[in-house]
Amino acid sequence: MGTSPQKSEGRTSSTSNEDDVQKVAEIKEYLESKISDLESELGKLKDMLVLVDTRLREKSFVPAIALRGALTTASIKTQKVPHANQTKNVQTEGPKVSGSEKDMVGNPNERQLRRTKDSMLLANALIDQSKVVIVPSKDVKLSQHTPPFESFFVNRILRGYQSKDQEESKNGKLKPDQVLEYNVQETQGTISSVTVSNYRDNARLNEIMSTITWAFTRMLEKK
């Protein structure tokens, strides 16, 4: 006798519910991890602020607000007007850019992604204005099929941004070549690089790197 349609439907519904529960659990775990990281960073910032305030009081420095006002006044002096008989060496006052800072303009910026609990290097991120390339460290060998890489990082974060961009492109709010694109490269079954193009703003960039750091951390725990 064949399986009744009602029983088959029940099994399908049960499987779907289990998948939903797993995804929600992964989201909850991600949120808890992110909250913990932010609370830790907030604590460090408060400690540094207390230290700075203490040092300012010890040295009897000018209050920060007054100092900031003085610096603002100085910065708006853009040019010295010469006398009628002085036509040379007119200089504009303002911040000077060092040679090293000039070299950084337009060059990729490298950022290290580390595990929170022990500062283990998970990956290096090479960033420029149009894309970020994330390369796992040589000791981090992970498959893109290991949760929560595809289930959360790719499907929820990257595809989420991509879908939003595609919708804005259809409505004429975004050019087609500005839509977020991503590419995951694997070598011998392990992730060798993740490239995200057209991230477009720092908020997205930070979320992408924060999420992949969390995903790599959870993936290592499953090995």
N, C-alpha and C. Protein backbone atom coordinates (compact mmCIF):
# COMPACT_ATOMS: atom_id res chain seq x y z
N MET A 1 0.85 -1.21 0.00
CA MET A 1 0.00 0.00 0.00
C MET A 1 0.87 1.24 0.00
N GLY A 2 0.48 2.31 -0.73
CA GLY A 2 1.27 3.53 -0.81
C GLY A 2 1.08 4.40 0.42
N THR A 3 1.98 5.31 0.59
CA THR A 3 1.89 6.24 1.72
C THR A 3 0.76 7.22 1.50
N SER A 4 -0.04 7.44 2.51
CA SER A 4 -1.19 8.34 2.36
C SER A 4 -0.71 9.76 2.22
N PRO A 5 -1.39 10.61 1.43
CA PRO A 5 -0.99 12.01 1.23
C PRO A 5 -0.92 12.78 2.53
N GLN A 6 -1.82 12.46 3.50
CA GLN A 6 -1.84 13.19 4.76
C GLN A 6 -0.56 12.96 5.55
N LYS A 7 -0.09 11.72 5.61
CA LYS A 7 1.14 11.40 6.34
C LYS A 7 2.34 12.08 5.67
N SER A 8 2.39 12.07 4.32
CA SER A 8 3.49 12.70 3.60
C SER A 8 3.52 14.20 3.87
N GLU A 9 2.31 14.82 3.88
CA GLU A 9 2.24 16.25 4.16
C GLU A 9 2.72 16.54 5.55
N GLY A 10 2.42 15.69 6.50
CA GLY A 10 2.84 15.88 7.89
C GLY A 10 4.34 15.88 8.03
N ARG A 11 5.00 14.95 7.33
CA ARG A 11 6.46 14.87 7.40
C ARG A 11 7.10 16.11 6.78
N THR A 12 6.54 16.58 5.65
CA THR A 12 7.09 17.78 5.00
C THR A 12 6.97 18.99 5.89
N SER A 13 5.79 19.12 6.54
CA SER A 13 5.58 20.25 7.44
C SER A 13 6.52 20.20 8.62
N SER A 14 6.74 18.99 9.14
CA SER A 14 7.64 18.83 10.29
C SER A 14 9.07 19.21 9.92
N THR A 15 9.52 18.79 8.73
CA THR A 15 10.87 19.12 8.26
C THR A 15 11.04 20.63 8.10
N SER A 16 10.01 21.27 7.53
CA SER A 16 10.05 22.73 7.34
C SER A 16 10.14 23.45 8.67
N ASN A 17 9.37 22.97 9.67
CA ASN A 17 9.40 23.59 11.00
C ASN A 17 10.77 23.44 11.64
N GLU A 18 11.39 22.29 11.47
CA GLU A 18 12.72 22.05 12.04
C GLU A 18 13.75 22.98 11.42
N ASP A 19 13.64 23.20 10.08
CA ASP A 19 14.56 24.12 9.40
C ASP A 19 14.38 25.54 9.92
N ASP A 20 13.11 25.95 10.12
CA ASP A 20 12.84 27.30 10.63
C ASP A 20 13.40 27.47 12.02
N VAL A 21 13.23 26.45 12.87
CA VAL A 21 13.73 26.51 14.24
C VAL A 21 15.25 26.64 14.24
N GLN A 22 15.93 25.87 13.36
CA GLN A 22 17.39 25.93 13.28
C GLN A 22 17.86 27.31 12.85
N LYS A 23 17.18 27.90 11.86
CA LYS A 23 17.56 29.23 11.38
C LYS A 23 17.37 30.28 12.46
N VAL A 24 16.23 30.19 13.18
CA VAL A 24 15.97 31.15 14.26
C VAL A 24 17.00 30.99 15.37
N ALA A 25 17.38 29.74 15.66
CA ALA A 25 18.39 29.49 16.69
C ALA A 25 19.73 30.09 16.29
N GLU A 26 20.08 29.99 15.00
CA GLU A 26 21.33 30.56 14.52
C GLU A 26 21.32 32.09 14.62
N ILE A 27 20.15 32.68 14.29
CA ILE A 27 20.02 34.14 14.42
C ILE A 27 20.17 34.56 15.88
N LYS A 28 19.53 33.82 16.78
CA LYS A 28 19.62 34.12 18.22
C LYS A 28 21.06 34.04 18.71
N GLU A 29 21.78 33.01 18.26
CA GLU A 29 23.16 32.83 18.66
C GLU A 29 24.03 33.98 18.13
N TYR A 30 23.75 34.40 16.90
CA TYR A 30 24.49 35.52 16.31
C TYR A 30 24.25 36.81 17.09
N LEU A 31 22.98 37.08 17.42
CA LEU A 31 22.64 38.30 18.16
C LEU A 31 23.28 38.31 19.54
N GLU A 32 23.26 37.16 20.22
CA GLU A 32 23.87 37.09 21.54
C GLU A 32 25.37 37.35 21.46
N SER A 33 26.03 36.77 20.43
CA SER A 33 27.47 36.97 20.25
C SER A 33 27.78 38.44 19.96
N LYS A 34 26.97 39.07 19.10
CA LYS A 34 27.21 40.47 18.73
C LYS A 34 26.99 41.39 19.94
N ILE A 35 25.95 41.12 20.71
CA ILE A 35 25.68 41.91 21.92
C ILE A 35 26.84 41.80 22.90
N SER A 36 27.36 40.58 23.06
CA SER A 36 28.49 40.36 23.97
C SER A 36 29.71 41.14 23.51
N ASP A 37 29.98 41.12 22.19
CA ASP A 37 31.13 41.86 21.65
C ASP A 37 30.97 43.36 21.88
N LEU A 38 29.76 43.88 21.64
CA LEU A 38 29.51 45.31 21.80
C LEU A 38 29.60 45.73 23.26
N GLU A 39 29.10 44.88 24.16
CA GLU A 39 29.18 45.20 25.58
C GLU A 39 30.63 45.24 26.04
N SER A 40 31.44 44.30 25.52
CA SER A 40 32.86 44.27 25.87
C SER A 40 33.56 45.52 25.37
N GLU A 41 33.26 45.92 24.13
CA GLU A 41 33.89 47.12 23.56
C GLU A 41 33.45 48.36 24.32
N LEU A 42 32.16 48.43 24.70
CA LEU A 42 31.65 49.58 25.45
C LEU A 42 32.35 49.70 26.80
N GLY A 43 32.59 48.55 27.45
CA GLY A 43 33.30 48.57 28.73
C GLY A 43 34.71 49.12 28.59
N LYS A 44 35.40 48.71 27.53
CA LYS A 44 36.77 49.20 27.30
C LYS A 44 36.78 50.69 27.02
N LEU A 45 35.80 51.17 26.24
CA LEU A 45 35.72 52.60 25.93
C LEU A 45 35.46 53.42 27.18
N LYS A 46 34.61 52.92 28.07
CA LYS A 46 34.34 53.63 29.32
C LYS A 46 35.58 53.70 30.19
N ASP A 47 36.33 52.59 30.25
CA ASP A 47 37.58 52.57 31.02
C ASP A 47 38.58 53.58 30.48
N MET A 48 38.69 53.66 29.15
CA MET A 48 39.62 54.61 28.54
C MET A 48 39.19 56.05 28.81
N LEU A 49 37.86 56.29 28.80
CA LEU A 49 37.35 57.64 29.07
C LEU A 49 37.67 58.07 30.50
N VAL A 50 37.51 57.15 31.44
CA VAL A 50 37.85 57.45 32.84
C VAL A 50 39.33 57.78 32.96
N LEU A 51 40.19 57.00 32.28
CA LEU A 51 41.63 57.24 32.33
C LEU A 51 41.98 58.61 31.76
N VAL A 52 41.35 58.96 30.62
CA VAL A 52 41.62 60.26 30.00
C VAL A 52 41.18 61.40 30.90
N ASP A 53 39.99 61.28 31.49
CA ASP A 53 39.50 62.32 32.40
C ASP A 53 40.42 62.50 33.59
N THR A 54 40.90 61.37 34.11
CA THR A 54 41.80 61.43 35.27
C THR A 54 43.09 62.15 34.92
N ARG A 55 43.68 61.81 33.78
CA ARG A 55 44.92 62.45 33.36
C ARG A 55 44.73 63.94 33.11
N LEU A 56 43.58 64.32 32.55
CA LEU A 56 43.30 65.72 32.31
C LEU A 56 43.23 66.51 33.62
N ARG A 57 42.59 65.91 34.61
CA ARG A 57 42.49 66.60 35.91
C ARG A 57 43.85 66.72 36.59
N GLU A 58 44.66 65.63 36.48
CA GLU A 58 45.99 65.64 37.11
C GLU A 58 46.90 66.72 36.52
N LYS A 59 46.81 66.91 35.22
CA LYS A 59 47.69 67.86 34.54
C LYS A 59 47.08 69.25 34.43
N SER A 60 45.86 69.43 34.97
CA SER A 60 45.18 70.73 34.92
C SER A 60 45.09 71.26 33.50
N PHE A 61 44.71 70.38 32.59
CA PHE A 61 44.57 70.78 31.20
C PHE A 61 43.36 71.70 31.04
N VAL A 62 43.36 72.44 29.93
CA VAL A 62 42.18 73.23 29.57
C VAL A 62 41.03 72.26 29.29
N PRO A 63 39.81 72.58 29.74
CA PRO A 63 38.68 71.69 29.47
C PRO A 63 38.57 71.36 27.99
N ALA A 64 38.14 70.15 27.70
CA ALA A 64 38.12 69.67 26.31
C ALA A 64 37.27 70.56 25.41
N ILE A 65 36.14 71.06 25.91
CA ILE A 65 35.26 71.89 25.08
C ILE A 65 35.96 73.17 24.67
N ALA A 66 36.66 73.79 25.64
CA ALA A 66 37.38 75.03 25.34
C ALA A 66 38.51 74.77 24.36
N LEU A 67 39.20 73.63 24.54
CA LEU A 67 40.30 73.29 23.64
C LEU A 67 39.79 73.06 22.23
N ARG A 68 38.66 72.36 22.12
CA ARG A 68 38.09 72.09 20.80
C ARG A 68 37.69 73.39 20.11
N GLY A 69 37.17 74.35 20.91
CA GLY A 69 36.79 75.64 20.36
C GLY A 69 37.98 76.39 19.83
N ALA A 70 39.11 76.31 20.56
CA ALA A 70 40.32 77.00 20.12
C ALA A 70 40.85 76.39 18.83
N LEU A 71 40.80 75.06 18.74
CA LEU A 71 41.27 74.39 17.54
C LEU A 71 40.40 74.73 16.34
N THR A 72 39.09 74.84 16.57
CA THR A 72 38.17 75.19 15.48
C THR A 72 38.47 76.59 14.96
N THR A 73 38.71 77.52 15.90
CA THR A 73 39.02 78.89 15.51
C THR A 73 40.28 78.94 14.67
N ALA A 74 41.28 78.16 15.07
CA ALA A 74 42.55 78.15 14.33
C ALA A 74 42.38 77.56 12.95
N SER A 75 41.52 76.55 12.83
CA SER A 75 41.39 75.85 11.55
C SER A 75 40.68 76.67 10.50
N ILE A 76 39.85 77.66 10.92
CA ILE A 76 39.11 78.43 9.93
C ILE A 76 39.92 79.58 9.36
N LYS A 77 41.15 79.78 9.88
CA LYS A 77 42.03 80.78 9.30
C LYS A 77 42.67 80.17 8.05
N THR A 78 42.11 80.45 6.93
CA THR A 78 42.54 79.76 5.71
C THR A 78 43.63 80.46 4.95
N GLN A 79 43.78 81.76 5.17
CA GLN A 79 44.78 82.45 4.35
C GLN A 79 45.18 83.77 5.00
N LYS A 80 46.47 84.09 4.94
CA LYS A 80 46.97 85.38 5.39
C LYS A 80 46.96 86.34 4.21
N VAL A 81 46.35 87.50 4.39
CA VAL A 81 46.28 88.48 3.30
C VAL A 81 47.56 89.30 3.30
N PRO A 82 48.32 89.33 2.19
CA PRO A 82 49.58 90.06 2.15
C PRO A 82 49.36 91.55 1.98
N HIS A 83 50.37 92.32 2.34
CA HIS A 83 50.33 93.75 2.06
C HIS A 83 50.44 93.95 0.56
N ALA A 84 50.20 95.19 0.13
CA ALA A 84 50.19 95.48 -1.30
C ALA A 84 51.51 95.15 -1.97
N ASN A 85 52.63 95.32 -1.22
CA ASN A 85 53.94 95.07 -1.81
C ASN A 85 54.44 93.65 -1.56
N GLN A 86 53.58 92.79 -1.04
CA GLN A 86 53.95 91.40 -0.80
C GLN A 86 53.02 90.51 -1.61
N THR A 87 53.55 89.92 -2.64
CA THR A 87 52.72 89.09 -3.52
C THR A 87 53.14 87.65 -3.53
N LYS A 88 54.19 87.32 -2.75
CA LYS A 88 54.68 85.94 -2.78
C LYS A 88 54.52 85.30 -1.40
N ASN A 89 54.68 83.98 -1.41
CA ASN A 89 54.67 83.20 -0.17
C ASN A 89 53.36 83.32 0.60
N VAL A 90 52.25 83.41 -0.10
CA VAL A 90 50.95 83.37 0.56
C VAL A 90 50.61 81.91 0.79
N GLN A 91 50.44 81.51 2.07
CA GLN A 91 50.22 80.11 2.41
C GLN A 91 48.85 79.93 3.04
N THR A 92 48.23 78.85 2.70
CA THR A 92 46.95 78.50 3.31
C THR A 92 47.19 77.62 4.52
N GLU A 93 46.61 78.02 5.65
CA GLU A 93 46.78 77.24 6.86
C GLU A 93 45.80 76.08 6.86
N GLY A 94 46.21 74.98 7.41
CA GLY A 94 45.34 73.81 7.47
C GLY A 94 46.16 72.58 7.70
N PRO A 95 45.51 71.43 7.89
CA PRO A 95 46.24 70.19 8.15
C PRO A 95 47.09 69.78 6.97
N LYS A 96 48.29 69.32 7.24
CA LYS A 96 49.19 68.83 6.19
C LYS A 96 49.07 67.33 6.07
N VAL A 97 49.13 66.83 4.85
CA VAL A 97 49.05 65.39 4.59
C VAL A 97 50.45 64.85 4.41
N SER A 98 50.82 63.87 5.21
CA SER A 98 52.16 63.30 5.12
C SER A 98 52.27 62.42 3.90
N GLY A 99 53.52 62.09 3.55
CA GLY A 99 53.74 61.23 2.39
C GLY A 99 53.08 59.88 2.54
N SER A 100 53.15 59.31 3.75
CA SER A 100 52.56 57.98 3.98
C SER A 100 51.05 58.03 3.83
N GLU A 101 50.42 59.14 4.27
CA GLU A 101 48.97 59.25 4.14
C GLU A 101 48.58 59.37 2.67
N LYS A 102 49.41 60.10 1.88
CA LYS A 102 49.13 60.21 0.46
C LYS A 102 49.19 58.84 -0.22
N ASP A 103 50.15 58.02 0.22
CA ASP A 103 50.30 56.70 -0.38
C ASP A 103 49.11 55.81 -0.09
N MET A 104 48.40 56.07 1.02
CA MET A 104 47.28 55.22 1.39
C MET A 104 46.04 55.51 0.55
N VAL A 105 45.95 56.71 -0.03
CA VAL A 105 44.76 57.07 -0.78
C VAL A 105 44.62 56.16 -2.01
N GLY A 106 43.48 55.48 -2.11
CA GLY A 106 43.22 54.60 -3.24
C GLY A 106 43.82 53.22 -3.11
N ASN A 107 44.64 52.97 -2.08
CA ASN A 107 45.24 51.65 -1.90
C ASN A 107 44.37 50.81 -0.97
N PRO A 108 44.35 49.49 -1.16
CA PRO A 108 43.55 48.65 -0.28
C PRO A 108 44.00 48.76 1.17
N ASN A 109 43.04 48.68 2.05
CA ASN A 109 43.31 48.71 3.48
C ASN A 109 43.10 47.30 4.03
N GLU A 110 44.06 46.80 4.76
CA GLU A 110 43.96 45.43 5.27
C GLU A 110 43.48 45.45 6.71
N ARG A 111 42.52 44.59 7.01
CA ARG A 111 41.99 44.48 8.36
C ARG A 111 42.00 43.02 8.79
N GLN A 112 42.43 42.76 10.00
CA GLN A 112 42.47 41.39 10.52
C GLN A 112 41.15 41.06 11.23
N LEU A 113 40.63 39.88 10.94
CA LEU A 113 39.41 39.40 11.60
C LEU A 113 39.81 38.33 12.61
N ARG A 114 39.55 38.58 13.90
CA ARG A 114 40.02 37.68 14.95
C ARG A 114 38.87 37.17 15.80
N ARG A 115 39.05 35.94 16.30
CA ARG A 115 38.08 35.35 17.20
C ARG A 115 38.09 36.09 18.53
N THR A 116 36.94 36.36 19.09
CA THR A 116 36.84 37.19 20.28
C THR A 116 37.52 36.57 21.50
N LYS A 117 37.30 35.29 21.73
CA LYS A 117 37.72 34.70 23.00
C LYS A 117 39.23 34.57 23.16
N ASP A 118 39.97 34.41 22.05
CA ASP A 118 41.41 34.20 22.18
C ASP A 118 42.23 34.96 21.14
N SER A 119 41.58 35.84 20.38
CA SER A 119 42.24 36.66 19.36
C SER A 119 42.88 35.84 18.25
N MET A 120 42.41 34.61 18.04
CA MET A 120 42.93 33.80 16.94
C MET A 120 42.63 34.48 15.61
N LEU A 121 43.63 34.56 14.73
CA LEU A 121 43.44 35.17 13.43
C LEU A 121 42.60 34.24 12.55
N LEU A 122 41.42 34.72 12.16
CA LEU A 122 40.53 33.92 11.31
C LEU A 122 40.73 34.24 9.83
N ALA A 123 40.91 35.52 9.52
CA ALA A 123 41.03 35.92 8.13
C ALA A 123 41.59 37.32 8.02
N ASN A 124 42.05 37.67 6.83
CA ASN A 124 42.46 39.03 6.52
C ASN A 124 41.50 39.59 5.48
N ALA A 125 41.08 40.84 5.69
CA ALA A 125 40.17 41.49 4.76
C ALA A 125 40.90 42.61 4.03
N LEU A 126 40.93 42.53 2.70
CA LEU A 126 41.54 43.56 1.87
C LEU A 126 40.42 44.45 1.33
N ILE A 127 40.45 45.71 1.69
CA ILE A 127 39.33 46.60 1.44
C ILE A 127 39.74 47.76 0.53
N ASP A 128 38.92 48.03 -0.46
CA ASP A 128 39.04 49.28 -1.19
C ASP A 128 37.64 49.87 -1.34
N GLN A 129 37.51 50.92 -2.11
CA GLN A 129 36.23 51.62 -2.17
C GLN A 129 35.14 50.84 -2.87
N SER A 130 35.50 49.86 -3.67
CA SER A 130 34.48 49.14 -4.43
C SER A 130 34.22 47.72 -3.95
N LYS A 131 35.19 47.12 -3.26
CA LYS A 131 34.98 45.73 -2.84
C LYS A 131 35.83 45.38 -1.62
N VAL A 132 35.48 44.24 -1.01
CA VAL A 132 36.28 43.67 0.07
C VAL A 132 36.55 42.20 -0.27
N VAL A 133 37.80 41.80 -0.12
CA VAL A 133 38.19 40.40 -0.35
C VAL A 133 38.65 39.82 0.98
N ILE A 134 37.95 38.80 1.45
CA ILE A 134 38.24 38.17 2.74
C ILE A 134 38.93 36.84 2.49
N VAL A 135 40.16 36.70 3.00
CA VAL A 135 40.97 35.51 2.78
C VAL A 135 41.22 34.83 4.13
N PRO A 136 40.69 33.61 4.32
CA PRO A 136 40.92 32.90 5.59
C PRO A 136 42.42 32.69 5.82
N SER A 137 42.82 32.67 7.09
CA SER A 137 44.22 32.40 7.42
C SER A 137 44.55 30.95 7.08
N LYS A 138 45.83 30.65 6.99
CA LYS A 138 46.25 29.32 6.53
C LYS A 138 45.81 28.20 7.47
N ASP A 139 45.55 28.53 8.75
CA ASP A 139 45.12 27.52 9.71
C ASP A 139 43.61 27.33 9.75
N VAL A 140 42.89 28.18 9.04
CA VAL A 140 41.42 28.10 9.04
C VAL A 140 40.97 27.44 7.74
N LYS A 141 40.60 26.17 7.84
CA LYS A 141 40.18 25.41 6.67
C LYS A 141 38.72 25.01 6.87
N LEU A 142 37.83 25.71 6.16
CA LEU A 142 36.40 25.53 6.36
C LEU A 142 35.69 25.36 5.02
N SER A 143 34.62 24.57 5.02
CA SER A 143 33.80 24.40 3.82
C SER A 143 32.64 25.38 3.86
N GLN A 144 32.27 25.88 2.70
CA GLN A 144 31.14 26.81 2.66
C GLN A 144 29.82 26.12 3.00
N HIS A 145 29.82 24.80 3.01
CA HIS A 145 28.60 24.06 3.33
C HIS A 145 28.43 23.84 4.83
N THR A 146 29.41 24.25 5.62
CA THR A 146 29.31 24.12 7.08
C THR A 146 28.47 25.27 7.64
N PRO A 147 27.39 24.96 8.38
CA PRO A 147 26.57 26.03 8.97
C PRO A 147 27.40 26.84 9.97
N PRO A 148 27.11 28.14 10.10
CA PRO A 148 26.02 28.90 9.46
C PRO A 148 26.49 29.74 8.28
N PHE A 149 27.49 29.28 7.52
CA PHE A 149 28.04 30.10 6.44
C PHE A 149 26.99 30.37 5.35
N GLU A 150 26.46 29.31 4.77
CA GLU A 150 25.46 29.51 3.71
C GLU A 150 24.11 29.92 4.29
N SER A 151 23.70 29.24 5.36
CA SER A 151 22.36 29.46 5.90
C SER A 151 22.16 30.87 6.44
N PHE A 152 23.22 31.46 6.99
CA PHE A 152 23.05 32.79 7.58
C PHE A 152 23.86 33.86 6.85
N PHE A 153 25.19 33.67 6.76
CA PHE A 153 26.03 34.71 6.18
C PHE A 153 25.68 34.98 4.72
N VAL A 154 25.56 33.91 3.92
CA VAL A 154 25.27 34.09 2.50
C VAL A 154 23.79 34.41 2.27
N ASN A 155 22.90 33.53 2.79
CA ASN A 155 21.48 33.67 2.47
C ASN A 155 20.82 34.86 3.15
N ARG A 156 21.20 35.15 4.38
CA ARG A 156 20.54 36.23 5.10
C ARG A 156 21.23 37.58 4.92
N ILE A 157 22.54 37.61 5.00
CA ILE A 157 23.26 38.88 4.95
C ILE A 157 23.54 39.31 3.52
N LEU A 158 24.32 38.51 2.78
CA LEU A 158 24.71 38.92 1.43
C LEU A 158 23.52 38.96 0.48
N ARG A 159 22.72 37.90 0.45
CA ARG A 159 21.56 37.90 -0.44
C ARG A 159 20.53 38.93 -0.01
N GLY A 160 20.47 39.20 1.28
CA GLY A 160 19.55 40.23 1.77
C GLY A 160 19.91 41.60 1.21
N TYR A 161 21.20 41.94 1.29
CA TYR A 161 21.66 43.21 0.72
C TYR A 161 21.46 43.22 -0.79
N GLN A 162 21.77 42.10 -1.43
CA GLN A 162 21.66 42.02 -2.88
C GLN A 162 20.21 42.20 -3.34
N SER A 163 19.28 41.56 -2.65
CA SER A 163 17.86 41.68 -3.01
C SER A 163 17.37 43.12 -2.86
N LYS A 164 17.81 43.77 -1.79
CA LYS A 164 17.43 45.17 -1.57
C LYS A 164 17.97 46.05 -2.69
N ASP A 165 19.23 45.83 -3.09
CA ASP A 165 19.83 46.62 -4.17
C ASP A 165 19.12 46.37 -5.50
N GLN A 166 18.78 45.11 -5.76
CA GLN A 166 18.09 44.79 -7.00
C GLN A 166 16.73 45.47 -7.08
N GLU A 167 16.05 45.54 -5.94
CA GLU A 167 14.75 46.22 -5.90
C GLU A 167 14.92 47.71 -6.16
N GLU A 168 15.94 48.32 -5.56
CA GLU A 168 16.18 49.74 -5.77
C GLU A 168 16.61 50.00 -7.23
N SER A 169 17.32 49.05 -7.82
CA SER A 169 17.72 49.19 -9.21
C SER A 169 16.50 49.17 -10.13
N LYS A 170 15.55 48.28 -9.84
CA LYS A 170 14.32 48.21 -10.64
C LYS A 170 13.53 49.51 -10.55
N ASN A 171 13.59 50.16 -9.37
CA ASN A 171 12.85 51.40 -9.16
C ASN A 171 13.62 52.64 -9.61
N GLY A 172 14.80 52.42 -10.20
CA GLY A 172 15.58 53.53 -10.71
C GLY A 172 16.36 54.29 -9.66
N LYS A 173 16.42 53.77 -8.43
CA LYS A 173 17.14 54.46 -7.36
C LYS A 173 18.62 54.08 -7.32
N LEU A 174 18.96 53.03 -8.05
CA LEU A 174 20.33 52.53 -8.03
C LEU A 174 20.70 52.04 -9.42
N LYS A 175 21.92 52.32 -9.84
CA LYS A 175 22.38 51.84 -11.14
C LYS A 175 22.61 50.33 -11.08
N PRO A 176 22.38 49.61 -12.17
CA PRO A 176 22.58 48.15 -12.17
C PRO A 176 23.98 47.72 -11.76
N ASP A 177 25.00 48.53 -12.14
CA ASP A 177 26.37 48.15 -11.81
C ASP A 177 26.74 48.50 -10.36
N GLN A 178 25.76 49.01 -9.59
CA GLN A 178 26.00 49.31 -8.18
C GLN A 178 25.38 48.26 -7.25
N VAL A 179 24.71 47.27 -7.83
CA VAL A 179 24.08 46.20 -7.04
C VAL A 179 25.16 45.33 -6.41
N LEU A 180 24.99 44.98 -5.15
CA LEU A 180 25.97 44.15 -4.45
C LEU A 180 26.11 42.79 -5.13
N GLU A 181 27.34 42.36 -5.30
CA GLU A 181 27.64 41.04 -5.86
C GLU A 181 28.63 40.34 -4.92
N TYR A 182 28.57 39.01 -4.91
CA TYR A 182 29.51 38.26 -4.06
C TYR A 182 29.95 36.98 -4.77
N ASN A 183 31.12 36.50 -4.37
CA ASN A 183 31.68 35.29 -4.97
C ASN A 183 32.49 34.54 -3.91
N VAL A 184 32.16 33.28 -3.72
CA VAL A 184 32.87 32.43 -2.76
C VAL A 184 33.73 31.45 -3.53
N GLN A 185 35.04 31.50 -3.31
CA GLN A 185 35.97 30.58 -3.97
C GLN A 185 36.40 29.49 -3.01
N GLU A 186 36.41 28.24 -3.50
CA GLU A 186 36.88 27.11 -2.69
C GLU A 186 38.06 26.44 -3.38
N THR A 187 39.01 25.98 -2.58
CA THR A 187 40.15 25.22 -3.09
C THR A 187 40.23 23.92 -2.32
N GLN A 188 40.08 22.82 -3.02
CA GLN A 188 40.10 21.49 -2.40
C GLN A 188 39.13 21.38 -1.23
N GLY A 189 37.92 21.93 -1.46
CA GLY A 189 36.86 21.78 -0.47
C GLY A 189 36.88 22.77 0.67
N THR A 190 37.81 23.72 0.67
CA THR A 190 37.85 24.72 1.74
C THR A 190 37.77 26.13 1.14
N ILE A 191 37.18 27.04 1.88
CA ILE A 191 37.02 28.42 1.41
C ILE A 191 38.39 29.06 1.27
N SER A 192 38.67 29.58 0.08
CA SER A 192 39.95 30.26 -0.15
C SER A 192 39.79 31.78 -0.18
N SER A 193 38.60 32.25 -0.56
CA SER A 193 38.35 33.70 -0.53
C SER A 193 36.85 33.96 -0.66
N VAL A 194 36.46 35.11 -0.12
CA VAL A 194 35.09 35.60 -0.27
C VAL A 194 35.19 37.05 -0.74
N THR A 195 34.67 37.32 -1.93
CA THR A 195 34.73 38.67 -2.49
C THR A 195 33.34 39.28 -2.52
N VAL A 196 33.21 40.46 -1.95
CA VAL A 196 31.94 41.19 -1.96
C VAL A 196 32.18 42.53 -2.66
N SER A 197 31.52 42.72 -3.79
CA SER A 197 31.67 43.96 -4.56
C SER A 197 30.45 44.86 -4.33
N ASN A 198 30.67 46.16 -4.41
CA ASN A 198 29.59 47.15 -4.26
C ASN A 198 28.93 47.09 -2.88
N TYR A 199 29.74 46.97 -1.83
CA TYR A 199 29.15 47.04 -0.48
C TYR A 199 28.64 48.45 -0.20
N ARG A 200 29.26 49.45 -0.79
CA ARG A 200 28.78 50.83 -0.92
C ARG A 200 28.86 51.71 0.33
N ASP A 201 28.75 51.17 1.53
CA ASP A 201 28.88 52.05 2.70
C ASP A 201 29.50 51.29 3.87
N ASN A 202 30.02 52.04 4.83
CA ASN A 202 30.75 51.45 5.95
C ASN A 202 29.86 50.60 6.85
N ALA A 203 28.59 50.95 6.96
CA ALA A 203 27.68 50.16 7.80
C ALA A 203 27.56 48.74 7.26
N ARG A 204 27.41 48.63 5.96
CA ARG A 204 27.34 47.29 5.34
C ARG A 204 28.67 46.57 5.49
N LEU A 205 29.74 47.27 5.24
CA LEU A 205 31.07 46.65 5.33
C LEU A 205 31.30 46.08 6.72
N ASN A 206 31.00 46.88 7.74
CA ASN A 206 31.21 46.41 9.12
C ASN A 206 30.32 45.22 9.45
N GLU A 207 29.08 45.24 8.95
CA GLU A 207 28.17 44.12 9.21
C GLU A 207 28.66 42.85 8.51
N ILE A 208 29.16 42.98 7.29
CA ILE A 208 29.68 41.83 6.55
C ILE A 208 30.86 41.20 7.30
N MET A 209 31.79 42.03 7.74
CA MET A 209 32.98 41.49 8.41
C MET A 209 32.67 40.97 9.81
N SER A 210 31.75 41.63 10.49
CA SER A 210 31.34 41.14 11.81
C SER A 210 30.64 39.78 11.69
N THR A 211 29.79 39.65 10.68
CA THR A 211 29.03 38.40 10.51
C THR A 211 29.92 37.25 10.08
N ILE A 212 30.86 37.51 9.16
CA ILE A 212 31.71 36.40 8.71
C ILE A 212 32.68 35.99 9.83
N THR A 213 33.07 36.93 10.67
CA THR A 213 33.90 36.58 11.83
C THR A 213 33.13 35.65 12.76
N TRP A 214 31.87 36.01 13.02
CA TRP A 214 31.01 35.17 13.87
C TRP A 214 30.78 33.80 13.21
N ALA A 215 30.52 33.80 11.88
CA ALA A 215 30.26 32.54 11.18
C ALA A 215 31.48 31.63 11.23
N PHE A 216 32.67 32.16 10.94
CA PHE A 216 33.89 31.35 11.00
C PHE A 216 34.10 30.78 12.40
N THR A 217 33.82 31.59 13.43
CA THR A 217 33.98 31.13 14.81
C THR A 217 33.08 29.94 15.08
N ARG A 218 31.82 30.03 14.67
CA ARG A 218 30.85 28.92 14.90
C ARG A 218 31.23 27.71 14.06
N MET A 219 31.72 27.93 12.86
CA MET A 219 32.10 26.81 11.97
C MET A 219 33.27 26.03 12.56
N LEU A 220 34.21 26.71 13.17
CA LEU A 220 35.34 26.03 13.80
C LEU A 220 34.89 25.19 14.97
N GLU A 221 33.86 25.65 15.66
CA GLU A 221 33.34 24.89 16.80
C GLU A 221 32.68 23.60 16.36
N LYS A 222 32.20 23.56 15.11
CA LYS A 222 31.51 22.37 14.60
C LYS A 222 32.47 21.32 14.04
N LYS A 223 33.75 21.70 13.89
CA LYS A 223 34.73 20.77 13.29
C LYS A 223 35.06 19.63 14.26
